[in-house]
Amino acid sequence: MPNTLSLQIDLPPAVAETYARWLQGRADYTVNQHWNEPRYLRIVDTDKRRAAILQRFPSMLAAHQTAAQIRAQLATQEVS
């Protein structure tokens, strides 16, 4: 059984963007802290290295994915 809870919250766009920025900042901080660890230095492609680091920290991977989802929803709302 998954240990996550699906939740839908309607936020004003400015608040949603601020929350997405905060989540992405947490993920970016973790990636920066572990960027030069020997286990990741052999990965030359920066996107793959970032993905490998985020895979090691599931909560930061979730933060990164949630921020991307929020931004995608905001972009869809702007188009509509």
Protein backbone atom coordinates (compact mmCIF):
# COMPACT_ATOMS: atom_id res chain seq x y z
CA MET A 1 0.00 0.00 0.00
CA PRO A 2 1.47 3.36 -0.98
CA ASN A 3 2.37 5.80 1.76
CA THR A 4 1.25 8.83 -0.24
CA LEU A 5 -2.00 10.72 -0.24
CA SER A 6 -3.48 12.19 -3.38
CA LEU A 7 -4.74 15.67 -2.67
CA GLN A 8 -6.12 18.46 -4.83
CA ILE A 9 -5.82 22.02 -3.51
CA ASP A 10 -6.88 25.08 -5.45
CA LEU A 11 -4.43 27.92 -4.90
CA PRO A 12 -4.23 31.32 -6.54
CA PRO A 13 -1.64 31.23 -9.35
CA ALA A 14 0.84 33.46 -7.50
CA VAL A 15 0.73 31.26 -4.40
CA ALA A 16 1.02 28.09 -6.48
CA GLU A 17 4.09 29.47 -8.29
CA THR A 18 5.68 30.46 -4.98
CA TYR A 19 5.07 26.97 -3.61
CA ALA A 20 6.51 25.39 -6.77
CA ARG A 21 9.58 27.63 -6.48
CA TRP A 22 10.04 26.58 -2.84
CA LEU A 23 9.74 22.88 -3.69
CA GLN A 24 12.15 23.21 -6.59
CA GLY A 25 14.56 25.11 -4.36
CA ARG A 26 14.63 22.24 -1.88
CA ALA A 27 15.35 19.75 -4.64
CA ASP A 28 18.03 22.00 -6.17
CA TYR A 29 19.72 22.43 -2.79
CA THR A 30 19.95 18.65 -2.34
CA VAL A 31 21.32 18.20 -5.85
CA ASN A 32 23.94 20.90 -5.26
CA GLN A 33 25.01 19.33 -1.97
CA HIS A 34 25.69 15.96 -3.64
CA TRP A 35 26.79 17.08 -7.12
CA ASN A 36 30.51 16.36 -6.70
CA GLU A 37 30.25 13.08 -4.82
CA PRO A 38 32.46 10.41 -6.41
CA ARG A 39 29.51 8.14 -7.15
CA TYR A 40 28.02 10.81 -9.45
CA LEU A 41 31.17 12.26 -11.04
CA ARG A 42 31.31 9.47 -13.61
CA ILE A 43 27.91 10.57 -14.98
CA VAL A 44 28.81 13.16 -17.59
CA ASP A 45 25.30 14.11 -18.75
CA THR A 46 24.08 16.74 -16.27
CA ASP A 47 20.41 15.76 -16.60
CA LYS A 48 21.23 12.13 -15.85
CA ARG A 49 23.44 13.12 -12.92
CA ARG A 50 20.65 15.27 -11.49
CA ALA A 51 18.15 12.41 -11.93
CA ALA A 52 20.51 9.96 -10.22
CA ILE A 53 20.88 12.25 -7.21
CA LEU A 54 17.14 12.80 -6.96
CA GLN A 55 16.53 9.03 -7.17
CA ARG A 56 18.64 8.64 -4.04
CA PHE A 57 16.38 11.07 -2.15
CA PRO A 58 12.72 10.11 -2.79
CA SER A 59 11.29 13.11 -0.95
CA MET A 60 13.34 15.50 -3.09
CA LEU A 61 12.33 13.61 -6.24
CA ALA A 62 8.71 14.04 -5.17
CA ALA A 63 9.29 17.76 -4.53
CA HIS A 64 10.84 18.15 -7.99
CA GLN A 65 7.96 16.27 -9.65
CA THR A 66 5.32 18.21 -7.73
CA ALA A 67 6.89 21.53 -8.72
CA ALA A 68 6.88 20.42 -12.36
CA GLN A 69 3.22 19.39 -12.08
CA ILE A 70 2.23 22.71 -10.55
CA ARG A 71 4.02 24.64 -13.29
CA ALA A 72 2.42 22.47 -15.99
CA GLN A 73 -1.03 23.13 -14.53
CA LEU A 74 -0.34 26.86 -14.34
CA ALA A 75 0.81 26.87 -17.97
CA THR A 76 -2.37 25.03 -18.99
CA GLN A 77 -4.52 27.55 -17.12
CA GLU A 78 -2.75 30.46 -18.82
CA VAL A 79 -3.42 28.98 -22.27
CA SER A 80 -7.10 28.46 -21.53
